[in-house]
Amino acid sequence: MDDLEFLKTHVPESESPGDEATARARAALLARIDADAAAGAASTPTRVADRRMPGRPRRRVWRWAGVAAACAAAVAIAGAFLLDGSPARPDTAAASALHQAAVVALKQPSPAPLAAGEYAYTKSEGVFLTSTAAKGQATMSTRTPFVRETWMGARSRLRETYGKAEFVSAQDRANWIAAGKPDFFGDPGTSIDPLGKYVPLDLPTDAGALFTELKTNAAGHGTSLYNEMFVLVGDDLRGTATSPAQRAALYDVAARIPGVELVGNVTDSTGRPGVAVAMTDETTHIRQVLILDPTTSQLLAEEQRVVAGNEFGWPSGTLMGSQTYLVHAVAGSNSEVPPAQQ
């Protein structure tokens, strides 16, 4: 599929930027600015005790320098905003990589519906962060390895196996000793939880409609609207039952989110090659990374790393949490492990 066909499929029709279209765009853009400005001032980040999945940063409001700048930007409607109010796909390395991922997604076959009694089985592994601090004490943080298995179907089920927690840094261990060596690690072991009936993701396959939906869901959460939208994209990609068209729309939405960067060619924790994109929360100083399979468009892995200025005082690049998706298969029950994975 070439760029023109992709745009016809994923971008709502727009008019050339004549006087009437420009006026509508200017009004829409100013309304967006007013809405963001009215949302309130920035919130102080709160510490999350257990970050098993990439966390939701607290909200930060962005705004333009002034109305004159906003009006000037509105005139450039063809390169800045679509008429549905969502940013157009920018000409960046990240946007190009995400566009390519969308093209790959649309070439994938749709998964066959599950038969009666069948379950979509997923296996992943990673680490999650636990941070705690007694009153008047410094923060103590550990990372705990886990293996997670899910069976999604009529009676969905989750099984998690935890390993031994380890301190993130020597300073965290020193803080633990200074606090009297409190027991906050948790024991290695396995937990099993019922999840109820699986309901497939109901996502629009039109990128403009999906952008609007994620924008609405992100409003009021995190440190900024766009950071939270990127988090939601990751949340939805994590759903293994996304259709190829839904994944393509998610990638197109991610391509329109300002601040998304291309990390480049990487390998995940198992050595599989992937393409990574990321977004940094400038308030929490946490960088969320998504690693995509260039041949299937599936999400291979995700991780969170701190950048300079983080509240923990860790070196830039320190891993907070990660999850690598190892297996997607069909099981015959909500406890059966596909034979190749036993």
C-alpha atoms as a PDB file:
ATOM      1  CA  MET A   1       0.000   0.000   0.000  1.00  0.00           C
ATOM      2  CA  ASP A   2       1.504   3.363  -0.987  1.00  0.00           C
ATOM      3  CA  ASP A   3       1.243   6.573   1.064  1.00  0.00           C
ATOM      4  CA  LEU A   4      -1.756   7.886  -0.861  1.00  0.00           C
ATOM      5  CA  GLU A   5      -3.792   4.724  -0.360  1.00  0.00           C
ATOM      6  CA  PHE A   6      -2.789   4.665   3.307  1.00  0.00           C
ATOM      7  CA  LEU A   7      -4.023   8.216   3.803  1.00  0.00           C
ATOM      8  CA  LYS A   8      -7.277   7.468   1.989  1.00  0.00           C
ATOM      9  CA  THR A   9      -7.852   4.563   4.370  1.00  0.00           C
ATOM     10  CA  HIS A  10      -6.753   6.070   7.663  1.00  0.00           C
ATOM     11  CA  VAL A  11      -7.200   9.844   7.434  1.00  0.00           C
ATOM     12  CA  PRO A  12     -10.626  11.493   7.209  1.00  0.00           C
ATOM     13  CA  GLU A  13     -11.240  13.550   4.103  1.00  0.00           C
ATOM     14  CA  SER A  14     -10.067  17.148   4.398  1.00  0.00           C
ATOM     15  CA  GLU A  15     -10.496  20.240   2.293  1.00  0.00           C
ATOM     16  CA  SER A  16      -7.756  22.334   0.773  1.00  0.00           C
ATOM     17  CA  PRO A  17      -6.813  25.210   3.077  1.00  0.00           C
ATOM     18  CA  GLY A  18      -9.028  27.872   1.607  1.00  0.00           C
ATOM     19  CA  ASP A  19     -10.521  30.783   3.548  1.00  0.00           C
ATOM     20  CA  GLU A  20     -13.452  28.813   4.962  1.00  0.00           C
ATOM     21  CA  ALA A  21     -11.336  25.783   5.926  1.00  0.00           C
ATOM     22  CA  THR A  22      -8.671  27.994   7.481  1.00  0.00           C
ATOM     23  CA  ALA A  23     -11.280  29.822   9.562  1.00  0.00           C
ATOM     24  CA  ARG A  24     -12.689  26.530  10.849  1.00  0.00           C
ATOM     25  CA  ALA A  25      -9.185  25.289  11.637  1.00  0.00           C
ATOM     26  CA  ARG A  26      -8.312  28.486  13.493  1.00  0.00           C
ATOM     27  CA  ALA A  27     -11.465  28.210  15.597  1.00  0.00           C
ATOM     28  CA  ALA A  28     -10.836  24.538  16.331  1.00  0.00           C
ATOM     29  CA  LEU A  29      -7.226  25.150  17.291  1.00  0.00           C
ATOM     30  CA  LEU A  30      -8.070  28.041  19.608  1.00  0.00           C
ATOM     31  CA  ALA A  31     -10.764  25.912  21.235  1.00  0.00           C
ATOM     32  CA  ARG A  32      -8.165  23.179  21.843  1.00  0.00           C
ATOM     33  CA  ILE A  33      -5.780  25.695  23.409  1.00  0.00           C
ATOM     34  CA  ASP A  34      -8.515  27.140  25.633  1.00  0.00           C
ATOM     35  CA  ALA A  35      -9.554  23.670  26.763  1.00  0.00           C
ATOM     36  CA  ASP A  36      -5.987  22.685  27.670  1.00  0.00           C
ATOM     37  CA  ALA A  37      -5.374  25.961  29.476  1.00  0.00           C
ATOM     38  CA  ALA A  38      -8.564  25.505  31.506  1.00  0.00           C
ATOM     39  CA  ALA A  39      -7.542  22.027  32.602  1.00  0.00           C
ATOM     40  CA  GLY A  40      -5.421  23.402  35.422  1.00  0.00           C
ATOM     41  CA  ALA A  41      -1.824  23.684  36.509  1.00  0.00           C
ATOM     42  CA  ALA A  42       0.652  20.838  36.694  1.00  0.00           C
ATOM     43  CA  SER A  43       0.269  18.259  39.456  1.00  0.00           C
ATOM     44  CA  THR A  44       3.049  16.946  41.672  1.00  0.00           C
ATOM     45  CA  PRO A  45       4.062  13.419  40.668  1.00  0.00           C
ATOM     46  CA  THR A  46       3.016  10.731  43.120  1.00  0.00           C
ATOM     47  CA  ARG A  47       5.056   7.661  43.853  1.00  0.00           C
ATOM     48  CA  VAL A  48       3.571   4.389  42.684  1.00  0.00           C
ATOM     49  CA  ALA A  49       4.315   1.524  45.033  1.00  0.00           C
ATOM     50  CA  ASP A  50       4.012  -1.313  42.543  1.00  0.00           C
ATOM     51  CA  ARG A  51       4.712  -0.645  38.847  1.00  0.00           C
ATOM     52  CA  ARG A  52       3.959  -3.969  37.216  1.00  0.00           C
ATOM     53  CA  MET A  53       3.117  -2.369  33.915  1.00  0.00           C
ATOM     54  CA  PRO A  54       4.279   0.925  32.439  1.00  0.00           C
ATOM     55  CA  GLY A  55       2.732   3.505  34.783  1.00  0.00           C
ATOM     56  CA  ARG A  56       0.435   6.369  34.016  1.00  0.00           C
ATOM     57  CA  PRO A  57       2.275   9.672  34.512  1.00  0.00           C
ATOM     58  CA  ARG A  58       0.398  12.506  36.184  1.00  0.00           C
ATOM     59  CA  ARG A  59      -0.913  15.319  34.078  1.00  0.00           C
ATOM     60  CA  ARG A  60       1.003  18.333  32.811  1.00  0.00           C
ATOM     61  CA  VAL A  61      -0.728  21.089  30.817  1.00  0.00           C
ATOM     62  CA  TRP A  62       0.839  22.468  27.640  1.00  0.00           C
ATOM     63  CA  ARG A  63      -0.079  25.728  25.979  1.00  0.00           C
ATOM     64  CA  TRP A  64       0.999  28.015  23.162  1.00  0.00           C
ATOM     65  CA  ALA A  65       2.994  31.184  23.797  1.00  0.00           C
ATOM     66  CA  GLY A  66       0.156  33.389  22.591  1.00  0.00           C
ATOM     67  CA  VAL A  67      -2.859  33.813  20.360  1.00  0.00           C
ATOM     68  CA  ALA A  68      -0.768  35.252  17.544  1.00  0.00           C
ATOM     69  CA  ALA A  69       1.330  32.099  17.380  1.00  0.00           C
ATOM     70  CA  ALA A  70      -1.803  29.960  17.481  1.00  0.00           C
ATOM     71  CA  CYS A  71      -3.390  31.839  14.602  1.00  0.00           C
ATOM     72  CA  ALA A  72      -0.209  31.575  12.559  1.00  0.00           C
ATOM     73  CA  ALA A  73      -0.143  27.829  13.166  1.00  0.00           C
ATOM     74  CA  ALA A  74      -3.799  27.487  12.188  1.00  0.00           C
ATOM     75  CA  VAL A  75      -3.093  28.950   8.778  1.00  0.00           C
ATOM     76  CA  ALA A  76      -0.792  25.981   8.093  1.00  0.00           C
ATOM     77  CA  ILE A  77      -3.681  23.517   8.426  1.00  0.00           C
ATOM     78  CA  ALA A  78      -2.372  21.159   5.760  1.00  0.00           C
ATOM     79  CA  GLY A  79       0.810  20.471   7.710  1.00  0.00           C
ATOM     80  CA  ALA A  80      -0.305  20.835  11.303  1.00  0.00           C
ATOM     81  CA  PHE A  81      -3.862  19.649  11.978  1.00  0.00           C
ATOM     82  CA  LEU A  82      -6.542  17.634  10.247  1.00  0.00           C
ATOM     83  CA  LEU A  83     -10.090  18.911  10.158  1.00  0.00           C
ATOM     84  CA  ASP A  84     -11.122  16.318  12.766  1.00  0.00           C
ATOM     85  CA  GLY A  85      -8.942  18.198  15.268  1.00  0.00           C
ATOM     86  CA  SER A  86      -6.140  15.611  15.447  1.00  0.00           C
ATOM     87  CA  PRO A  87      -2.548  16.432  14.487  1.00  0.00           C
ATOM     88  CA  ALA A  88      -1.524  15.316  11.027  1.00  0.00           C
ATOM     89  CA  ARG A  89       1.223  12.713  10.792  1.00  0.00           C
ATOM     90  CA  PRO A  90       4.433  14.770  11.091  1.00  0.00           C
ATOM     91  CA  ASP A  91       7.405  14.259   8.817  1.00  0.00           C
ATOM     92  CA  THR A  92       9.664  12.698  11.455  1.00  0.00           C
ATOM     93  CA  ALA A  93      11.703   9.514  11.694  1.00  0.00           C
ATOM     94  CA  ALA A  94       9.338   8.173  14.353  1.00  0.00           C
ATOM     95  CA  ALA A  95       6.270   8.906  12.246  1.00  0.00           C
ATOM     96  CA  SER A  96       7.835   7.163   9.255  1.00  0.00           C
ATOM     97  CA  ALA A  97       8.653   4.076  11.338  1.00  0.00           C
ATOM     98  CA  LEU A  98       5.137   3.986  12.765  1.00  0.00           C
ATOM     99  CA  HIS A  99       3.649   4.439   9.302  1.00  0.00           C
ATOM    100  CA  GLN A 100       5.666   1.456   8.134  1.00  0.00           C
ATOM    101  CA  ALA A 101       4.417  -0.565  11.114  1.00  0.00           C
ATOM    102  CA  ALA A 102       0.856   0.327  10.118  1.00  0.00           C
ATOM    103  CA  VAL A 103       1.497  -0.827   6.559  1.00  0.00           C
ATOM    104  CA  VAL A 104       2.909  -4.125   7.861  1.00  0.00           C
ATOM    105  CA  ALA A 105      -0.079  -4.550  10.193  1.00  0.00           C
ATOM    106  CA  LEU A 106      -2.559  -4.260   7.349  1.00  0.00           C
ATOM    107  CA  LYS A 107      -0.800  -7.065   5.494  1.00  0.00           C
ATOM    108  CA  GLN A 108      -1.286  -9.521   8.363  1.00  0.00           C
ATOM    109  CA  PRO A 109      -4.107 -12.071   8.316  1.00  0.00           C
ATOM    110  CA  SER A 110      -6.923 -11.576  10.792  1.00  0.00           C
ATOM    111  CA  PRO A 111      -6.848 -14.164  13.581  1.00  0.00           C
ATOM    112  CA  ALA A 112      -9.484 -16.875  13.393  1.00  0.00           C
ATOM    113  CA  PRO A 113     -12.270 -16.566  15.982  1.00  0.00           C
ATOM    114  CA  LEU A 114     -11.856 -18.805  19.007  1.00  0.00           C
ATOM    115  CA  ALA A 115     -13.940 -21.958  18.917  1.00  0.00           C
ATOM    116  CA  ALA A 116     -16.082 -22.971  21.894  1.00  0.00           C
ATOM    117  CA  GLY A 117     -13.798 -23.914  24.779  1.00  0.00           C
ATOM    118  CA  GLU A 118     -10.689 -22.347  23.249  1.00  0.00           C
ATOM    119  CA  TYR A 119      -8.581 -19.639  24.883  1.00  0.00           C
ATOM    120  CA  ALA A 120      -6.074 -17.124  23.622  1.00  0.00           C
ATOM    121  CA  TYR A 121      -2.909 -17.928  25.550  1.00  0.00           C
ATOM    122  CA  THR A 122      -0.175 -15.333  26.143  1.00  0.00           C
ATOM    123  CA  LYS A 123       3.080 -15.705  28.017  1.00  0.00           C
ATOM    124  CA  SER A 124       5.346 -12.832  28.985  1.00  0.00           C
ATOM    125  CA  GLU A 125       8.205 -12.107  31.350  1.00  0.00           C
ATOM    126  CA  GLY A 126       9.713  -9.010  32.856  1.00  0.00           C
ATOM    127  CA  VAL A 127      10.361  -7.077  36.031  1.00  0.00           C
ATOM    128  CA  PHE A 128       8.225  -4.686  38.066  1.00  0.00           C
ATOM    129  CA  LEU A 129       9.297  -1.930  40.413  1.00  0.00           C
ATOM    130  CA  THR A 130       8.332  -1.635  44.057  1.00  0.00           C
ATOM    131  CA  SER A 131       9.196   1.588  45.904  1.00  0.00           C
ATOM    132  CA  THR A 132       8.439   2.383  49.506  1.00  0.00           C
ATOM    133  CA  ALA A 133       9.532   4.874  52.137  1.00  0.00           C
ATOM    134  CA  ALA A 134       8.657   4.974  55.829  1.00  0.00           C
ATOM    135  CA  LYS A 135       7.881   8.385  57.262  1.00  0.00           C
ATOM    136  CA  GLY A 136      11.055  10.424  57.373  1.00  0.00           C
ATOM    137  CA  GLN A 137      13.034   7.709  55.578  1.00  0.00           C
ATOM    138  CA  ALA A 138      14.630   7.659  52.143  1.00  0.00           C
ATOM    139  CA  THR A 139      13.056   5.671  49.315  1.00  0.00           C
ATOM    140  CA  MET A 140      13.866   1.973  48.943  1.00  0.00           C
ATOM    141  CA  SER A 141      13.262   0.449  45.520  1.00  0.00           C
ATOM    142  CA  THR A 142      13.478  -3.113  44.256  1.00  0.00           C
ATOM    143  CA  ARG A 143      12.838  -4.864  40.954  1.00  0.00           C
ATOM    144  CA  THR A 144      11.055  -8.218  41.005  1.00  0.00           C
ATOM    145  CA  PRO A 145      11.191 -10.638  38.050  1.00  0.00           C
ATOM    146  CA  PHE A 146       7.950 -12.279  36.957  1.00  0.00           C
ATOM    147  CA  VAL A 147       6.482 -14.648  34.412  1.00  0.00           C
ATOM    148  CA  ARG A 148       2.881 -13.911  33.442  1.00  0.00           C
ATOM    149  CA  GLU A 149       0.476 -16.250  31.637  1.00  0.00           C
ATOM    150  CA  THR A 150      -3.053 -15.354  30.590  1.00  0.00           C
ATOM    151  CA  TRP A 151      -5.856 -17.424  29.116  1.00  0.00           C
ATOM    152  CA  MET A 152      -8.491 -15.162  27.540  1.00  0.00           C
ATOM    153  CA  GLY A 153     -11.899 -16.635  26.756  1.00  0.00           C
ATOM    154  CA  ALA A 154     -15.181 -17.531  28.437  1.00  0.00           C
ATOM    155  CA  ARG A 155     -13.515 -17.951  31.835  1.00  0.00           C
ATOM    156  CA  SER A 156     -10.301 -15.985  31.576  1.00  0.00           C
ATOM    157  CA  ARG A 157      -7.463 -16.712  33.963  1.00  0.00           C
ATOM    158  CA  LEU A 158      -4.177 -15.137  35.041  1.00  0.00           C
ATOM    159  CA  ARG A 159      -1.147 -16.955  36.483  1.00  0.00           C
ATOM    160  CA  GLU A 160       1.890 -15.033  37.710  1.00  0.00           C
ATOM    161  CA  THR A 161       5.117 -16.462  39.077  1.00  0.00           C
ATOM    162  CA  TYR A 162       7.402 -14.108  40.990  1.00  0.00           C
ATOM    163  CA  GLY A 163      11.128 -14.364  41.571  1.00  0.00           C
ATOM    164  CA  LYS A 164      13.396 -12.824  44.182  1.00  0.00           C
ATOM    165  CA  ALA A 165      13.405  -9.039  44.423  1.00  0.00           C
ATOM    166  CA  GLU A 166      16.696  -7.179  44.040  1.00  0.00           C
ATOM    167  CA  PHE A 167      17.602  -3.618  44.932  1.00  0.00           C
ATOM    168  CA  VAL A 168      17.763  -1.231  41.999  1.00  0.00           C
ATOM    169  CA  SER A 169      20.929   0.456  43.275  1.00  0.00           C
ATOM    170  CA  ALA A 170      23.479   0.301  46.070  1.00  0.00           C
ATOM    171  CA  GLN A 171      21.889   3.435  47.518  1.00  0.00           C
ATOM    172  CA  ASP A 172      18.506   1.706  47.730  1.00  0.00           C
ATOM    173  CA  ARG A 173      20.110  -1.098  49.708  1.00  0.00           C
ATOM    174  CA  ALA A 174      21.829   1.403  51.994  1.00  0.00           C
ATOM    175  CA  ASN A 175      18.484   3.160  52.559  1.00  0.00           C
ATOM    176  CA  TRP A 176      16.918  -0.209  53.457  1.00  0.00           C
ATOM    177  CA  ILE A 177      19.653  -0.911  56.017  1.00  0.00           C
ATOM    178  CA  ALA A 178      19.272   2.577  57.493  1.00  0.00           C
ATOM    179  CA  ALA A 179      15.509   1.986  57.822  1.00  0.00           C
ATOM    180  CA  GLY A 180      16.094  -1.139  59.916  1.00  0.00           C
ATOM    181  CA  LYS A 181      15.778  -3.703  57.100  1.00  0.00           C
ATOM    182  CA  PRO A 182      11.961  -3.754  56.885  1.00  0.00           C
ATOM    183  CA  ASP A 183      10.398  -6.743  55.135  1.00  0.00           C
ATOM    184  CA  PHE A 184       8.646  -5.326  52.093  1.00  0.00           C
ATOM    185  CA  PHE A 185       9.945  -7.668  49.413  1.00  0.00           C
ATOM    186  CA  GLY A 186       7.199 -10.279  49.211  1.00  0.00           C
ATOM    187  CA  ASP A 187       7.963 -13.957  48.829  1.00  0.00           C
ATOM    188  CA  PRO A 188       8.722 -15.670  45.516  1.00  0.00           C
ATOM    189  CA  GLY A 189       5.816 -17.834  44.433  1.00  0.00           C
ATOM    190  CA  THR A 190       2.827 -18.181  42.140  1.00  0.00           C
ATOM    191  CA  SER A 191      -0.608 -16.570  42.194  1.00  0.00           C
ATOM    192  CA  ILE A 192      -3.665 -17.543  40.144  1.00  0.00           C
ATOM    193  CA  ASP A 193      -6.614 -15.224  39.609  1.00  0.00           C
ATOM    194  CA  PRO A 194      -9.875 -15.564  37.635  1.00  0.00           C
ATOM    195  CA  LEU A 195     -10.517 -12.715  35.208  1.00  0.00           C
ATOM    196  CA  GLY A 196     -14.062 -13.438  34.053  1.00  0.00           C
ATOM    197  CA  LYS A 197     -15.253 -13.427  30.459  1.00  0.00           C
ATOM    198  CA  TYR A 198     -12.969 -11.822  27.934  1.00  0.00           C
ATOM    199  CA  VAL A 199     -14.404  -8.877  26.018  1.00  0.00           C
ATOM    200  CA  PRO A 200     -12.456  -8.020  22.837  1.00  0.00           C
ATOM    201  CA  LEU A 201     -11.178  -4.495  22.399  1.00  0.00           C
ATOM    202  CA  ASP A 202     -13.745  -2.284  20.717  1.00  0.00           C
ATOM    203  CA  LEU A 203     -11.435   0.132  18.907  1.00  0.00           C
ATOM    204  CA  PRO A 204     -12.205   2.237  15.827  1.00  0.00           C
ATOM    205  CA  THR A 205     -10.114   1.334  12.809  1.00  0.00           C
ATOM    206  CA  ASP A 206     -10.327   4.901  11.530  1.00  0.00           C
ATOM    207  CA  ALA A 207      -7.274   6.758  12.805  1.00  0.00           C
ATOM    208  CA  GLY A 208      -9.107  10.064  13.212  1.00  0.00           C
ATOM    209  CA  ALA A 209     -11.892   8.487  15.267  1.00  0.00           C
ATOM    210  CA  LEU A 210      -9.379   6.536  17.348  1.00  0.00           C
ATOM    211  CA  PHE A 211      -7.321   9.665  18.010  1.00  0.00           C
ATOM    212  CA  THR A 212     -10.445  11.414  19.292  1.00  0.00           C
ATOM    213  CA  GLU A 213     -11.371   8.436  21.487  1.00  0.00           C
ATOM    214  CA  LEU A 214      -7.913   8.149  23.055  1.00  0.00           C
ATOM    215  CA  LYS A 215      -7.754  11.905  23.551  1.00  0.00           C
ATOM    216  CA  THR A 216     -11.051  11.798  25.440  1.00  0.00           C
ATOM    217  CA  ASN A 217      -9.910   8.856  27.566  1.00  0.00           C
ATOM    218  CA  ALA A 218      -6.560  10.509  28.315  1.00  0.00           C
ATOM    219  CA  ALA A 219      -7.997  13.873  29.367  1.00  0.00           C
ATOM    220  CA  GLY A 220      -7.446  14.562  33.057  1.00  0.00           C
ATOM    221  CA  HIS A 221      -4.877  11.790  33.529  1.00  0.00           C
ATOM    222  CA  GLY A 222      -1.102  11.861  33.610  1.00  0.00           C
ATOM    223  CA  THR A 223       1.172  14.866  33.404  1.00  0.00           C
ATOM    224  CA  SER A 224       0.111  15.757  29.875  1.00  0.00           C
ATOM    225  CA  LEU A 225      -2.525  14.788  27.372  1.00  0.00           C
ATOM    226  CA  TYR A 226      -0.045  13.477  24.817  1.00  0.00           C
ATOM    227  CA  ASN A 227       2.018  11.445  27.277  1.00  0.00           C
ATOM    228  CA  GLU A 228      -1.146   9.773  28.494  1.00  0.00           C
ATOM    229  CA  MET A 229      -2.282   9.092  24.934  1.00  0.00           C
ATOM    230  CA  PHE A 230       1.011   7.315  24.264  1.00  0.00           C
ATOM    231  CA  VAL A 231       0.436   5.220  27.389  1.00  0.00           C
ATOM    232  CA  LEU A 232      -3.028   4.288  26.116  1.00  0.00           C
ATOM    233  CA  VAL A 233      -1.600   3.263  22.746  1.00  0.00           C
ATOM    234  CA  GLY A 234       0.717   0.888  24.583  1.00  0.00           C
ATOM    235  CA  ASP A 235      -2.158  -0.419  26.682  1.00  0.00           C
ATOM    236  CA  ASP A 236      -4.176  -1.251  23.574  1.00  0.00           C
ATOM    237  CA  LEU A 237      -1.261  -2.804  21.713  1.00  0.00           C
ATOM    238  CA  ARG A 238      -0.766  -5.051  24.711  1.00  0.00           C
ATOM    239  CA  GLY A 239      -4.163  -6.546  23.958  1.00  0.00           C
ATOM    240  CA  THR A 240      -3.209  -9.554  21.862  1.00  0.00           C
ATOM    241  CA  ALA A 241      -6.616  -9.700  20.170  1.00  0.00           C
ATOM    242  CA  THR A 242      -6.220  -6.412  18.313  1.00  0.00           C
ATOM    243  CA  SER A 243      -7.041  -6.882  14.659  1.00  0.00           C
ATOM    244  CA  PRO A 244      -4.519  -5.845  11.983  1.00  0.00           C
ATOM    245  CA  ALA A 245      -6.676  -2.822  11.147  1.00  0.00           C
ATOM    246  CA  GLN A 246      -6.840  -1.791  14.816  1.00  0.00           C
ATOM    247  CA  ARG A 247      -3.063  -2.054  15.169  1.00  0.00           C
ATOM    248  CA  ALA A 248      -2.599   0.002  12.025  1.00  0.00           C
ATOM    249  CA  ALA A 249      -4.871   2.717  13.430  1.00  0.00           C
ATOM    250  CA  LEU A 250      -2.994   2.662  16.754  1.00  0.00           C
ATOM    251  CA  TYR A 251       0.312   3.155  14.967  1.00  0.00           C
ATOM    252  CA  ASP A 252      -1.114   5.989  12.915  1.00  0.00           C
ATOM    253  CA  VAL A 253      -2.377   7.645  16.111  1.00  0.00           C
ATOM    254  CA  ALA A 254       1.050   7.236  17.715  1.00  0.00           C
ATOM    255  CA  ALA A 255       2.611   8.842  14.640  1.00  0.00           C
ATOM    256  CA  ARG A 256       0.454  11.932  15.209  1.00  0.00           C
ATOM    257  CA  ILE A 257       1.328  12.340  18.898  1.00  0.00           C
ATOM    258  CA  PRO A 258       3.827  15.187  19.350  1.00  0.00           C
ATOM    259  CA  GLY A 259       6.961  14.145  21.217  1.00  0.00           C
ATOM    260  CA  VAL A 260       7.162  10.520  20.082  1.00  0.00           C
ATOM    261  CA  GLU A 261      10.751   9.682  19.113  1.00  0.00           C
ATOM    262  CA  LEU A 262      12.393   6.918  17.104  1.00  0.00           C
ATOM    263  CA  VAL A 263      14.885   4.920  19.163  1.00  0.00           C
ATOM    264  CA  GLY A 264      15.805   2.759  16.178  1.00  0.00           C
ATOM    265  CA  ASN A 265      16.708  -0.864  15.641  1.00  0.00           C
ATOM    266  CA  VAL A 266      17.030  -2.756  18.913  1.00  0.00           C
ATOM    267  CA  THR A 267      16.747  -6.272  20.306  1.00  0.00           C
ATOM    268  CA  ASP A 268      14.395  -7.288  23.098  1.00  0.00           C
ATOM    269  CA  SER A 269      15.434  -9.216  26.213  1.00  0.00           C
ATOM    270  CA  THR A 270      15.373 -12.498  24.268  1.00  0.00           C
ATOM    271  CA  GLY A 271      17.460 -11.168  21.378  1.00  0.00           C
ATOM    272  CA  ARG A 272      14.636 -10.722  18.868  1.00  0.00           C
ATOM    273  CA  PRO A 273      15.138  -7.773  16.495  1.00  0.00           C
ATOM    274  CA  GLY A 274      12.662  -4.924  16.737  1.00  0.00           C
ATOM    275  CA  VAL A 275      12.069  -1.254  16.068  1.00  0.00           C
ATOM    276  CA  ALA A 276      11.617   0.947  19.117  1.00  0.00           C
ATOM    277  CA  VAL A 277       9.746   4.220  19.598  1.00  0.00           C
ATOM    278  CA  ALA A 278       9.602   6.152  22.834  1.00  0.00           C
ATOM    279  CA  MET A 279       8.157   9.142  24.629  1.00  0.00           C
ATOM    280  CA  THR A 280       9.679  10.927  27.610  1.00  0.00           C
ATOM    281  CA  ASP A 281       7.590  12.481  30.357  1.00  0.00           C
ATOM    282  CA  GLU A 282       9.405  15.712  31.143  1.00  0.00           C
ATOM    283  CA  THR A 283       7.668  15.996  34.519  1.00  0.00           C
ATOM    284  CA  THR A 284       8.299  12.520  35.942  1.00  0.00           C
ATOM    285  CA  HIS A 285      11.510  12.063  33.902  1.00  0.00           C
ATOM    286  CA  ILE A 286      10.406   8.596  32.853  1.00  0.00           C
ATOM    287  CA  ARG A 287      10.822   7.320  29.307  1.00  0.00           C
ATOM    288  CA  GLN A 288       8.373   4.735  27.978  1.00  0.00           C
ATOM    289  CA  VAL A 289       9.648   2.534  25.147  1.00  0.00           C
ATOM    290  CA  LEU A 290       7.630   0.294  22.830  1.00  0.00           C
ATOM    291  CA  ILE A 291       9.472  -2.339  20.773  1.00  0.00           C
ATOM    292  CA  LEU A 292       7.631  -3.492  17.648  1.00  0.00           C
ATOM    293  CA  ASP A 293       8.178  -6.569  15.502  1.00  0.00           C
ATOM    294  CA  PRO A 294       9.041  -5.202  12.028  1.00  0.00           C
ATOM    295  CA  THR A 295       7.732  -8.329  10.300  1.00  0.00           C
ATOM    296  CA  THR A 296       4.386  -8.807  12.085  1.00  0.00           C
ATOM    297  CA  SER A 297       3.684  -5.377  13.667  1.00  0.00           C
ATOM    298  CA  GLN A 298       3.023  -7.062  17.027  1.00  0.00           C
ATOM    299  CA  LEU A 299       4.285  -5.523  20.261  1.00  0.00           C
ATOM    300  CA  LEU A 300       7.430  -7.443  21.234  1.00  0.00           C
ATOM    301  CA  ALA A 301       8.221  -5.653  24.476  1.00  0.00           C
ATOM    302  CA  GLU A 302       7.825  -2.480  26.492  1.00  0.00           C
ATOM    303  CA  GLU A 303       9.907  -0.896  29.175  1.00  0.00           C
ATOM    304  CA  GLN A 304      10.276   2.154  31.368  1.00  0.00           C
ATOM    305  CA  ARG A 305      13.592   3.836  32.050  1.00  0.00           C
ATOM    306  CA  VAL A 306      14.406   6.998  33.946  1.00  0.00           C
ATOM    307  CA  VAL A 307      16.144   9.994  32.424  1.00  0.00           C
ATOM    308  CA  ALA A 308      18.201  12.699  34.108  1.00  0.00           C
ATOM    309  CA  GLY A 309      16.385  14.580  36.868  1.00  0.00           C
ATOM    310  CA  ASN A 310      14.273  11.633  38.043  1.00  0.00           C
ATOM    311  CA  GLU A 311      12.980  11.661  41.631  1.00  0.00           C
ATOM    312  CA  PHE A 312      14.929   8.518  42.543  1.00  0.00           C
ATOM    313  CA  GLY A 313      18.327  10.009  41.778  1.00  0.00           C
ATOM    314  CA  TRP A 314      19.227   7.083  39.483  1.00  0.00           C
ATOM    315  CA  PRO A 315      21.519   7.414  36.466  1.00  0.00           C
ATOM    316  CA  SER A 316      19.762   8.103  33.178  1.00  0.00           C
ATOM    317  CA  GLY A 317      18.763   4.851  31.497  1.00  0.00           C
ATOM    318  CA  THR A 318      18.154   2.885  34.708  1.00  0.00           C
ATOM    319  CA  LEU A 319      15.447   0.287  34.105  1.00  0.00           C
ATOM    320  CA  MET A 320      12.277   0.695  36.160  1.00  0.00           C
ATOM    321  CA  GLY A 321      10.138  -2.060  34.661  1.00  0.00           C
ATOM    322  CA  SER A 322       9.738  -4.156  31.546  1.00  0.00           C
ATOM    323  CA  GLN A 323       7.597  -6.810  29.920  1.00  0.00           C
ATOM    324  CA  THR A 324       8.543  -9.010  26.958  1.00  0.00           C
ATOM    325  CA  TYR A 325       5.812 -10.907  25.122  1.00  0.00           C
ATOM    326  CA  LEU A 326       7.034 -14.412  24.355  1.00  0.00           C
ATOM    327  CA  VAL A 327       4.114 -16.565  23.212  1.00  0.00           C
ATOM    328  CA  HIS A 328       0.745 -16.036  21.544  1.00  0.00           C
ATOM    329  CA  ALA A 329      -1.107 -19.314  20.947  1.00  0.00           C
ATOM    330  CA  VAL A 330      -4.486 -21.028  21.219  1.00  0.00           C
ATOM    331  CA  ALA A 331      -5.129 -23.330  24.171  1.00  0.00           C
ATOM    332  CA  GLY A 332      -7.878 -25.904  24.644  1.00  0.00           C
ATOM    333  CA  SER A 333      -8.769 -24.779  28.171  1.00  0.00           C
ATOM    334  CA  ASN A 334      -8.042 -22.020  30.668  1.00  0.00           C
ATOM    335  CA  SER A 335      -5.239 -24.053  32.224  1.00  0.00           C
ATOM    336  CA  GLU A 336      -3.689 -25.792  29.226  1.00  0.00           C
ATOM    337  CA  VAL A 337      -0.245 -24.628  28.190  1.00  0.00           C
ATOM    338  CA  PRO A 338       0.398 -25.081  24.460  1.00  0.00           C
ATOM    339  CA  PRO A 339       2.659 -28.172  24.080  1.00  0.00           C
ATOM    340  CA  ALA A 340       5.601 -26.287  22.620  1.00  0.00           C
ATOM    341  CA  GLN A 341       5.705 -24.101  25.733  1.00  0.00           C
ATOM    342  CA  GLN A 342       5.543 -26.719  28.478  1.00  0.00           C
END
